[in-house]
Protein backbone atom coordinates (compact mmCIF):
# COMPACT_ATOMS: atom_id res chain seq x y z
CA MET A 1 25.30 -34.11 42.05
CA ARG A 2 25.19 -33.44 45.62
CA PHE A 3 22.27 -32.95 47.99
CA PHE A 4 22.02 -31.79 51.82
CA ASN A 5 20.71 -34.82 53.21
CA THR A 6 18.36 -34.17 56.53
CA LEU A 7 19.05 -37.72 57.59
CA GLY A 8 22.36 -37.18 58.62
CA ARG A 9 22.42 -33.26 58.23
CA SER A 10 25.41 -33.28 55.73
CA MET A 11 25.99 -32.81 52.04
CA GLN A 12 26.01 -36.11 50.10
CA GLU A 13 26.97 -37.41 46.69
CA PHE A 14 23.71 -38.57 45.01
CA THR A 15 23.74 -42.06 43.93
CA PRO A 16 20.80 -43.43 42.64
CA ILE A 17 19.81 -46.92 43.42
CA ASP A 18 19.04 -47.58 39.56
CA LYS A 19 20.93 -45.40 37.56
CA GLU A 20 18.38 -45.54 34.76
CA ASN A 21 15.38 -44.57 37.02
CA VAL A 22 15.42 -41.88 40.03
CA ARG A 23 12.65 -42.88 42.29
CA MET A 24 11.22 -39.67 44.22
CA TYR A 25 8.27 -39.35 46.75
CA THR A 26 7.00 -35.57 46.87
CA CYS A 27 4.27 -34.68 49.69
CA GLY A 28 1.22 -33.51 48.12
CA PRO A 29 -1.77 -31.26 49.19
CA THR A 30 -4.44 -32.40 51.55
CA VAL A 31 -7.31 -31.27 49.51
CA TYR A 32 -9.67 -29.43 52.09
CA ASN A 33 -8.84 -25.99 50.56
CA TYR A 34 -7.20 -24.26 47.78
CA ALA A 35 -3.46 -24.51 48.19
CA HIS A 36 -1.58 -21.50 49.07
CA ILE A 37 1.68 -20.04 48.03
CA GLY A 38 3.71 -21.54 51.14
CA ASN A 39 2.34 -24.92 49.62
CA PHE A 40 3.45 -23.79 46.15
CA ARG A 41 6.68 -22.97 47.30
CA ALA A 42 7.42 -26.64 48.51
CA TYR A 43 5.87 -27.91 45.17
CA LEU A 44 8.09 -25.81 42.90
CA PHE A 45 11.23 -26.78 44.99
CA GLU A 46 10.27 -30.15 44.21
CA ASP A 47 9.64 -29.42 40.57
CA ILE A 48 13.14 -27.52 40.34
CA LEU A 49 14.78 -31.11 41.69
CA ARG A 50 13.03 -33.25 39.58
CA ARG A 51 13.88 -30.93 36.38
CA THR A 52 17.61 -30.75 37.42
CA LEU A 53 17.75 -34.65 37.66
CA GLU A 54 16.43 -34.65 34.10
CA TYR A 55 18.80 -31.89 33.35
CA PHE A 56 21.84 -34.25 34.29
CA GLY A 57 20.05 -37.02 32.26
CA HIS A 58 18.01 -38.92 34.71
CA LYS A 59 14.55 -40.39 34.02
CA VAL A 60 12.76 -39.89 37.20
CA THR A 61 9.62 -41.53 38.55
CA GLN A 62 7.79 -39.30 40.78
CA VAL A 63 4.97 -40.06 43.14
CA MET A 64 2.88 -37.24 44.85
CA ASN A 65 0.07 -38.12 47.11
CA LEU A 66 -3.33 -36.45 47.45
CA THR A 67 -4.46 -36.68 51.11
CA ASP A 68 -8.19 -36.88 50.65
CA VAL A 69 -9.08 -38.27 54.01
CA ASP A 70 -7.63 -36.78 57.15
CA ASP A 71 -8.99 -35.05 60.12
CA LYS A 72 -9.20 -31.60 58.20
CA THR A 73 -10.97 -33.17 55.33
CA ILE A 74 -13.44 -34.97 57.10
CA ARG A 75 -14.30 -32.24 59.35
CA ASP A 76 -14.73 -29.53 56.75
CA SER A 77 -16.69 -31.90 54.35
CA GLN A 78 -18.98 -32.46 57.27
CA ALA A 79 -19.41 -28.79 57.87
CA ALA A 80 -20.12 -28.11 53.95
CA LYS A 81 -22.77 -31.02 54.31
CA LEU A 82 -20.97 -32.94 51.02
CA LYS A 83 -19.98 -36.33 50.82
CA LEU A 84 -16.01 -36.70 51.38
CA GLN A 85 -15.39 -37.52 47.52
CA ASP A 86 -17.68 -34.41 46.23
CA PHE A 87 -16.07 -32.20 48.74
CA THR A 88 -12.67 -33.20 48.00
CA ARG A 89 -13.09 -33.29 44.07
CA LYS A 90 -13.33 -29.38 43.95
CA TYR A 91 -10.00 -28.98 45.55
CA LYS A 92 -7.98 -31.66 43.42
CA ASP A 93 -9.36 -30.23 40.33
CA ALA A 94 -8.29 -26.93 41.42
CA PHE A 95 -4.76 -28.36 42.38
CA PHE A 96 -4.04 -29.62 39.02
CA GLU A 97 -5.13 -26.30 37.35
CA ASP A 98 -2.67 -24.64 39.58
CA LEU A 99 0.05 -26.90 38.90
CA LYS A 100 -0.32 -26.27 34.86
CA GLU A 101 -0.71 -22.34 35.62
CA LEU A 102 2.95 -22.63 37.36
CA ARG A 103 4.32 -24.93 34.86
CA ILE A 104 5.11 -27.50 37.12
CA GLU A 105 5.87 -31.05 35.56
CA PRO A 106 3.17 -33.69 35.96
CA ALA A 107 4.36 -36.49 38.30
CA GLU A 108 3.92 -39.86 37.16
CA HIS A 109 1.78 -41.08 39.98
CA TYR A 110 -1.03 -39.01 42.02
CA PRO A 111 -2.44 -41.80 44.23
CA GLU A 112 -5.41 -40.91 46.39
CA ALA A 113 -5.59 -41.86 49.70
CA THR A 114 -9.13 -43.10 49.63
CA THR A 115 -8.45 -45.53 46.57
CA HIS A 116 -5.42 -47.41 48.58
CA ILE A 117 -7.06 -48.43 51.65
CA PRO A 118 -6.39 -52.31 50.99
CA GLU A 119 -2.50 -51.36 50.86
CA MET A 120 -2.88 -49.69 54.14
CA ILE A 121 -4.84 -52.52 55.85
CA ARG A 122 -2.06 -54.81 54.84
CA MET A 123 0.51 -52.54 56.03
CA ILE A 124 -0.81 -52.58 59.21
CA GLU A 125 -1.31 -56.37 59.40
CA VAL A 126 2.41 -56.73 58.79
CA LEU A 127 3.24 -54.06 61.73
CA PHE A 128 0.78 -56.59 64.03
CA GLU A 129 2.63 -59.56 62.63
CA LYS A 130 5.96 -58.13 63.75
CA GLY A 131 4.87 -56.77 67.28
CA TYR A 132 5.23 -52.99 66.40
CA ALA A 133 1.24 -52.33 66.20
CA TYR A 134 -1.29 -52.76 69.02
CA LYS A 135 -5.23 -51.96 69.61
CA SER A 136 -6.35 -49.71 72.06
CA GLU A 137 -9.52 -49.97 74.19
CA ASP A 138 -11.39 -47.80 71.66
CA GLY A 139 -10.68 -50.08 68.82
CA SER A 140 -7.94 -47.53 67.23
CA VAL A 141 -4.54 -49.09 66.22
CA TYR A 142 -1.11 -47.38 67.23
CA PHE A 143 2.58 -47.96 66.51
CA SER A 144 4.52 -48.43 69.42
CA ILE A 145 7.49 -46.13 69.01
CA ASP A 146 9.15 -47.92 72.16
CA LYS A 147 9.55 -51.01 69.92
CA PHE A 148 11.36 -48.96 67.08
CA LYS A 149 14.69 -48.04 68.51
CA GLU A 150 15.75 -45.65 65.88
CA TYR A 151 12.71 -43.38 66.38
CA GLY A 152 13.70 -39.83 66.10
CA LYS A 153 16.61 -40.22 63.89
CA LEU A 154 15.43 -37.73 61.25
CA ALA A 155 14.02 -34.94 63.30
CA ARG A 156 16.63 -35.73 66.00
CA ILE A 157 14.53 -36.28 69.09
CA ASP A 158 16.17 -37.26 72.33
CA ARG A 159 14.97 -40.67 73.07
CA GLU A 160 14.55 -39.97 76.64
CA GLN A 161 11.60 -37.70 76.04
CA GLN A 162 9.80 -40.49 74.09
CA ARG A 163 7.31 -42.06 76.64
CA ALA A 164 5.93 -45.72 75.56
CA GLY A 165 1.89 -46.09 76.18
CA VAL A 166 1.23 -42.44 75.61
CA ARG A 167 -1.12 -42.32 72.57
CA ILE A 168 -1.92 -39.31 69.59
CA ASN A 169 -4.93 -39.68 67.85
CA SER A 170 -4.74 -36.63 65.63
CA ASP A 171 -3.07 -36.56 62.46
CA GLU A 172 -0.73 -33.45 63.51
CA TYR A 173 0.81 -32.83 66.48
CA GLU A 174 3.45 -30.65 68.33
CA LYS A 175 7.28 -31.79 68.52
CA ASP A 176 7.22 -32.20 72.31
CA SER A 177 4.30 -34.56 71.98
CA VAL A 178 6.41 -37.47 71.23
CA ALA A 179 3.89 -40.52 71.49
CA ASP A 180 2.58 -43.50 69.66
CA PHE A 181 0.81 -42.75 66.76
CA ALA A 182 -2.50 -44.11 65.37
CA LEU A 183 -2.22 -46.25 62.18
CA TRP A 184 -6.03 -47.04 62.17
CA LYS A 185 -8.59 -44.81 63.86
CA ALA A 186 -11.84 -46.22 65.04
CA TRP A 187 -14.84 -44.85 63.39
CA SER A 188 -16.65 -41.98 65.73
CA PRO A 189 -19.84 -40.28 65.00
CA SER A 190 -17.99 -36.92 63.86
CA ASP A 191 -16.86 -39.19 60.86
CA GLY A 192 -20.18 -39.74 59.44
CA ASP A 193 -20.06 -42.15 56.42
CA VAL A 194 -16.20 -41.82 56.36
CA LYS A 195 -15.45 -45.38 57.13
CA TRP A 196 -14.12 -48.71 55.74
CA ASP A 197 -13.96 -52.55 57.18
CA SER A 198 -10.93 -53.53 58.69
CA PRO A 199 -9.84 -56.60 60.72
CA TRP A 200 -9.89 -54.33 63.93
CA GLY A 201 -13.36 -52.79 63.41
CA ILE A 202 -14.71 -49.92 61.10
CA GLY A 203 -12.68 -46.95 61.02
CA ARG A 204 -9.93 -45.09 58.68
CA PRO A 205 -6.20 -44.91 58.33
CA GLY A 206 -4.04 -42.51 60.00
CA TRP A 207 -2.45 -39.64 57.75
CA HIS A 208 1.19 -40.99 58.39
CA LEU A 209 0.52 -44.51 57.13
CA GLU A 210 -1.21 -43.28 54.20
CA CYS A 211 2.24 -42.16 52.32
CA SER A 212 4.27 -45.35 53.52
CA ALA A 213 1.53 -47.43 51.84
CA MET A 214 1.46 -45.53 48.66
CA SER A 215 4.97 -44.76 48.03
CA MET A 216 5.83 -48.49 48.83
CA LYS A 217 3.27 -49.66 46.21
CA TYR A 218 4.73 -47.31 43.42
CA LEU A 219 8.15 -46.93 44.29
CA GLY A 220 9.18 -50.11 46.16
CA LYS A 221 10.40 -50.62 49.78
CA THR A 222 13.58 -48.39 49.37
CA PHE A 223 13.72 -45.55 47.09
CA ASP A 224 16.12 -42.85 46.45
CA LEU A 225 14.17 -39.36 47.31
CA HIS A 226 11.65 -37.97 49.90
CA THR A 227 10.83 -34.36 49.83
CA GLY A 228 8.54 -31.96 51.85
CA GLY A 229 8.49 -28.84 53.72
CA VAL A 230 10.51 -28.55 56.96
CA ASP A 231 7.17 -28.86 58.67
CA ASN A 232 6.55 -32.32 57.49
CA MET A 233 9.79 -33.49 59.22
CA PHE A 234 8.05 -34.20 62.43
CA PRO A 235 5.86 -36.02 63.01
CA HIS A 236 5.04 -36.99 59.51
CA HIS A 237 8.11 -38.08 58.03
CA GLU A 238 9.62 -39.33 61.29
CA ASP A 239 6.40 -41.49 61.57
CA GLU A 240 6.69 -42.65 57.93
CA ILE A 241 10.24 -44.08 58.35
CA ALA A 242 9.42 -45.97 61.59
CA GLN A 243 6.47 -47.64 60.10
CA SER A 244 8.07 -48.43 56.92
CA GLU A 245 11.26 -49.69 58.23
CA ALA A 246 9.45 -51.78 61.18
CA ALA A 247 7.40 -53.47 58.20
CA ASN A 248 9.88 -53.83 55.63
CA GLY A 249 13.09 -54.50 57.45
CA CYS A 250 15.09 -52.04 55.41
CA GLN A 251 15.91 -48.49 54.96
CA PHE A 252 13.09 -46.70 53.74
CA VAL A 253 14.52 -43.51 51.85
CA ASN A 254 18.13 -42.69 51.06
CA TYR A 255 18.07 -39.08 50.53
CA TRP A 256 15.48 -36.75 52.36
CA LEU A 257 15.41 -33.18 51.27
CA HIS A 258 13.12 -30.40 53.25
CA CYS A 259 12.49 -26.69 52.01
CA GLU A 260 12.23 -24.00 54.67
CA HIS A 261 9.05 -21.87 55.14
CA LEU A 262 7.81 -18.98 53.21
CA THR A 263 7.21 -15.82 55.30
CA ILE A 264 5.28 -12.47 54.01
CA GLU A 265 7.16 -9.32 54.53
CA ASN A 266 8.84 -11.07 57.37
CA LYS A 267 5.68 -12.29 58.97
CA LYS A 268 3.94 -15.54 59.16
CA MET A 269 1.25 -16.02 56.35
CA SER A 270 -2.24 -15.62 58.04
CA LYS A 271 -5.75 -15.06 57.08
CA SER A 272 -5.95 -12.82 60.33
CA LEU A 273 -3.18 -10.56 59.24
CA GLY A 274 -4.79 -10.34 55.66
CA ASN A 275 -1.38 -11.67 53.97
CA PHE A 276 -2.71 -15.00 53.06
CA TYR A 277 -2.45 -15.66 49.38
CA THR A 278 -3.43 -18.69 47.06
CA LEU A 279 -2.34 -18.67 43.55
CA ARG A 280 -5.66 -17.35 42.46
CA ASP A 281 -5.57 -14.41 44.56
CA LEU A 282 -2.17 -13.58 42.78
CA LEU A 283 -3.56 -14.28 39.28
CA ALA A 284 -6.36 -11.93 40.33
CA LYS A 285 -4.16 -9.34 40.79
CA GLY A 286 -2.93 -9.71 37.23
CA TYR A 287 0.19 -11.93 37.81
CA THR A 288 0.70 -14.84 35.45
CA GLY A 289 1.79 -18.11 36.69
CA ALA A 290 5.15 -17.61 35.14
CA GLU A 291 5.80 -14.55 37.13
CA VAL A 292 4.54 -16.21 40.39
CA ARG A 293 6.52 -19.27 39.52
CA TRP A 294 9.76 -16.85 39.08
CA ALA A 295 9.14 -15.02 42.33
CA LEU A 296 8.95 -18.41 44.24
CA ILE A 297 12.08 -20.43 42.86
CA GLY A 298 14.64 -17.62 43.14
CA THR A 299 15.54 -18.28 46.73
CA HIS A 300 17.62 -21.40 47.83
CA TYR A 301 15.24 -24.44 49.00
CA ARG A 302 16.69 -24.40 52.58
CA SER A 303 16.54 -20.69 53.02
CA LYS A 304 13.49 -18.97 54.35
CA LEU A 305 11.69 -17.11 51.36
CA ASN A 306 10.26 -13.74 52.28
CA PHE A 307 7.68 -13.28 49.88
CA SER A 308 5.71 -9.78 48.89
CA ILE A 309 3.67 -8.37 46.13
CA ALA A 310 6.91 -6.19 45.35
CA LEU A 311 8.77 -9.72 44.49
CA CYS A 312 6.07 -10.33 41.83
CA ASP A 313 6.39 -7.00 40.18
CA GLN A 314 10.07 -7.56 40.14
CA ALA A 315 9.57 -10.91 38.46
CA ARG A 316 7.24 -9.27 35.88
CA SER A 317 10.04 -6.79 35.13
CA THR A 318 12.74 -9.56 34.74
CA LEU A 319 10.66 -12.03 32.78
CA LYS A 320 9.79 -8.97 30.33
CA LYS A 321 13.40 -7.99 29.99
CA PHE A 322 14.15 -11.40 28.94
CA ALA A 323 11.15 -11.47 26.37
CA ASP A 324 12.73 -8.41 24.82
CA PHE A 325 16.36 -9.93 25.06
CA PHE A 326 14.75 -13.15 23.27
CA GLN A 327 12.96 -11.09 20.43
CA ARG A 328 16.27 -9.22 19.56
CA LEU A 329 18.01 -12.11 19.14
CA HIS A 330 15.00 -13.71 16.89
CA ASP A 331 15.34 -10.74 14.94
CA LEU A 332 18.99 -10.65 14.07
CA GLU A 333 20.11 -10.63 10.40
CA LYS A 334 20.98 -13.84 8.81
CA GLY A 335 24.62 -14.73 8.82
CA ASP A 336 27.18 -16.54 10.98
CA LYS A 337 28.85 -13.28 12.53
CA GLY A 338 30.01 -13.86 16.01
CA LYS A 339 29.10 -17.60 15.95
CA GLU A 340 32.32 -18.99 17.87
CA GLN A 341 32.08 -16.21 20.23
CA ALA A 342 28.41 -17.14 20.85
CA ALA A 343 29.26 -20.82 21.37
CA GLU A 344 32.18 -20.08 24.03
CA LEU A 345 29.74 -17.84 25.88
CA ALA A 346 27.06 -20.27 25.98
CA ALA A 347 29.40 -23.26 26.85
CA ALA A 348 30.66 -21.25 29.93
CA ALA A 349 27.37 -20.42 30.94
CA ASP A 350 26.03 -24.02 30.77
CA GLN A 351 28.99 -25.34 32.80
CA ALA A 352 28.52 -22.57 35.53
CA PHE A 353 24.67 -23.47 35.54
CA ALA A 354 25.12 -27.08 35.82
CA LYS A 355 27.81 -26.79 38.52
CA ALA A 356 25.49 -24.81 40.40
CA MET A 357 22.28 -26.55 40.29
CA GLY A 358 24.30 -29.90 40.80
CA ASN A 359 25.43 -28.39 44.03
CA ASP A 360 22.25 -28.77 46.23
CA LEU A 361 20.10 -26.94 43.70
CA GLY A 362 22.47 -23.81 44.08
CA ILE A 363 19.60 -21.51 42.38
CA ALA A 364 21.48 -18.18 43.32
CA GLU A 365 24.71 -19.10 41.58
CA ALA A 366 22.68 -20.87 38.78
CA LEU A 367 20.68 -17.62 37.92
CA ALA A 368 24.00 -15.57 38.07
CA ALA A 369 25.10 -17.56 35.16
CA VAL A 370 21.88 -16.80 33.31
CA TYR A 371 22.29 -12.87 34.08
CA ASN A 372 26.05 -12.90 33.24
CA LEU A 373 25.20 -14.80 29.60
CA GLU A 374 22.26 -12.28 29.24
CA ARG A 375 24.56 -9.14 29.65
CA SER A 376 27.41 -10.45 27.78
CA VAL A 377 25.45 -11.24 24.64
CA ASN A 378 23.61 -7.59 25.18
CA SER A 379 27.05 -6.04 24.97
CA ALA A 380 27.82 -8.17 21.74
CA LEU A 381 24.40 -6.97 20.61
CA ALA A 382 25.16 -3.19 21.06
CA LYS A 383 28.38 -3.72 19.06
CA ASN A 384 26.38 -5.45 16.18
CA GLU A 385 28.81 -8.31 16.69
CA PHE A 386 26.06 -11.12 16.45
CA GLY A 387 24.32 -12.64 13.32
CA SER A 388 21.24 -15.12 13.25
CA GLU A 389 23.31 -18.30 13.68
CA ALA A 390 24.87 -16.65 16.76
CA GLY A 391 21.45 -15.70 17.95
CA GLY A 392 20.40 -19.28 17.66
CA ILE A 393 23.19 -20.46 19.71
CA ILE A 394 22.42 -18.37 22.70
CA LEU A 395 18.65 -19.00 22.32
CA GLU A 396 19.13 -22.79 22.62
CA GLN A 397 21.16 -22.06 25.36
CA PHE A 398 18.22 -20.30 27.01
CA ARG A 399 16.11 -23.23 26.10
CA ARG A 400 18.42 -25.32 28.27
CA PHE A 401 18.28 -23.28 30.96
CA ASN A 402 14.35 -23.14 30.89
CA LYS A 403 14.41 -27.07 31.28
CA VAL A 404 15.14 -26.26 34.84
CA LEU A 405 13.71 -22.71 35.39
CA GLY A 406 10.60 -23.39 33.62
CA SER A 407 9.69 -19.35 33.45
CA PHE A 408 10.81 -18.28 30.06
CA ASP A 409 8.86 -18.28 26.89
CA VAL A 410 11.89 -18.15 24.58
CA ASP A 411 10.15 -18.62 21.31
CA ALA A 412 6.98 -16.62 22.06
CA PRO A 413 5.56 -14.71 19.18
CA ALA A 414 6.25 -10.69 19.49
CA VAL A 415 3.37 -8.82 21.13
CA LYS A 416 2.75 -5.74 19.24
CA GLU A 417 2.50 -2.74 21.29
CA GLU A 418 0.28 0.06 19.83
CA VAL A 419 2.45 3.50 20.26
CA PRO A 420 0.45 6.45 20.44
CA ALA A 421 1.10 8.90 17.34
CA GLU A 422 2.20 11.58 19.98
CA ILE A 423 4.78 9.29 21.32
CA MET A 424 6.06 8.28 17.66
CA GLU A 425 6.37 11.99 16.95
CA MET A 426 8.52 12.54 20.06
CA ALA A 427 10.68 9.75 19.22
CA GLN A 428 11.04 11.01 15.66
CA GLN A 429 11.98 14.47 16.80
CA ARG A 430 14.77 12.57 19.28
CA THR A 431 16.25 10.81 16.08
CA GLU A 432 16.24 13.87 14.29
CA ALA A 433 17.98 15.86 17.22
CA ARG A 434 20.59 13.00 17.11
CA LYS A 435 21.22 13.37 13.48
CA ALA A 436 21.75 17.00 14.11
CA ARG A 437 24.11 16.31 16.97
CA ASP A 438 21.90 17.93 19.29
CA PHE A 439 22.41 15.72 21.97
CA ALA A 440 21.02 17.80 24.73
CA LYS A 441 17.56 17.90 23.07
CA ALA A 442 17.76 14.29 22.12
CA ASP A 443 18.41 13.31 25.94
CA GLU A 444 15.80 15.81 26.96
CA LEU A 445 13.22 13.86 24.62
CA ARG A 446 14.22 10.26 25.73
CA ASN A 447 13.84 11.49 29.40
CA ARG A 448 10.28 12.69 28.67
CA LEU A 449 9.35 9.61 26.80
CA LYS A 450 10.76 7.93 29.83
CA ASP A 451 8.60 10.07 32.28
CA LEU A 452 5.42 8.91 30.05
CA GLY A 453 6.35 5.13 30.33
CA TRP A 454 8.20 4.71 26.83
CA ILE A 455 11.81 3.76 26.12
CA ILE A 456 13.49 4.22 22.76
CA GLU A 457 16.17 1.52 21.75
CA ASP A 458 18.43 2.10 18.84
CA VAL A 459 18.69 -0.95 16.47
CA PRO A 460 21.71 -1.73 13.78
CA GLY A 461 21.19 0.33 10.56
CA GLY A 462 20.03 3.35 12.28
CA GLY A 463 16.77 2.61 13.07
CA ILE A 464 14.59 2.59 16.46
CA LYS A 465 11.98 0.44 18.61
CA VAL A 466 9.85 2.35 20.92
CA LYS A 467 8.29 0.47 23.60
CA LYS A 468 6.55 0.42 27.04
CA ALA A 469 8.97 0.67 30.16
């Protein structure tokens, strides 16, 4: 397997520290609102990465944090007049419901920042001992970037821009605001009852510190993979590297993978533009989690994804075609006809799929292998070349694809569609016209049915199947 490592900006062979267990940290949600589809674009990229590692035989230990204390959670919980824990619980529950709806495999650990304060305090103590942390006049604790000479190596920030002694207390800041960042924030009245005791006084941890302390607890001082959106690269991931490597004296992460932004019809997603979608918004429009998943995974993670409602419609149409395809394979007559041909087609498709996904999660080429197999099999089915054993081989290959893609329902029971009597009558007339070799009338009836939203499929043995288009 090869990945584009943001640290170094190059394609690199993936060599895990422990061949038996890949350790991976994925930036999770800040639980102050429902996650939107831009967030889920990142979480689905991380799910595809995890599934691909498993596809190649790796065991994965994944940690996804839940940021339940930061500037935004405190601000909005105060506005709602709720205790922080009560406020964030609603959005934590919603997040896990959304993960299930999108078929995202669960991580092994979902640490909450509020339950790991002792680990964070201990890390700050180590940074004090090593000379990287200092206390300001207001009681907050900061990390001195001037002391960490490699600061900026991930985001490739010019060291000349870095200004020792300039401090930033907010959790999120712009790229040109390179400065010492908060490890511990002294309590202020706006924090309400959100506070913990520490050797430096009452306060709370900085956002960047949370991920470093939690990843070290569950994955060790050095681990394999760290992922997130490109917007996390600076300051969040840069600050994670600085404080972790300063505290531990060793490399923090070996491979950094970042996914690009999502836009809505080539515009930034914004509530003011009316193009802001949560998963729940799309479910309310009638789309399924599988359809939304398919729409969000089809663009390579390092390319911007231009989302639209039309993309969900395309996903619905595609998945319906695959569902019909799977059902035709399940319905094949018993026998070993075409078994060798099916095995050859499946093996070639599996090889192409694996090659693509092993090359930095090359989803476009992987999906091409999936579609090519479907087309080849449909051609064989049209010629009545496959029996049930051949069908079983192809179905098993699609189950294997689905270990990564996660959107197919290969073995779902057929949904019986009620076909109106007048539609069936027209279909029978079309069959009779074909028997009489009146192909002009048969084509006319087929087109009329299509205009009414129905299609006819001829099945082996002279029968027909009528279904919605």
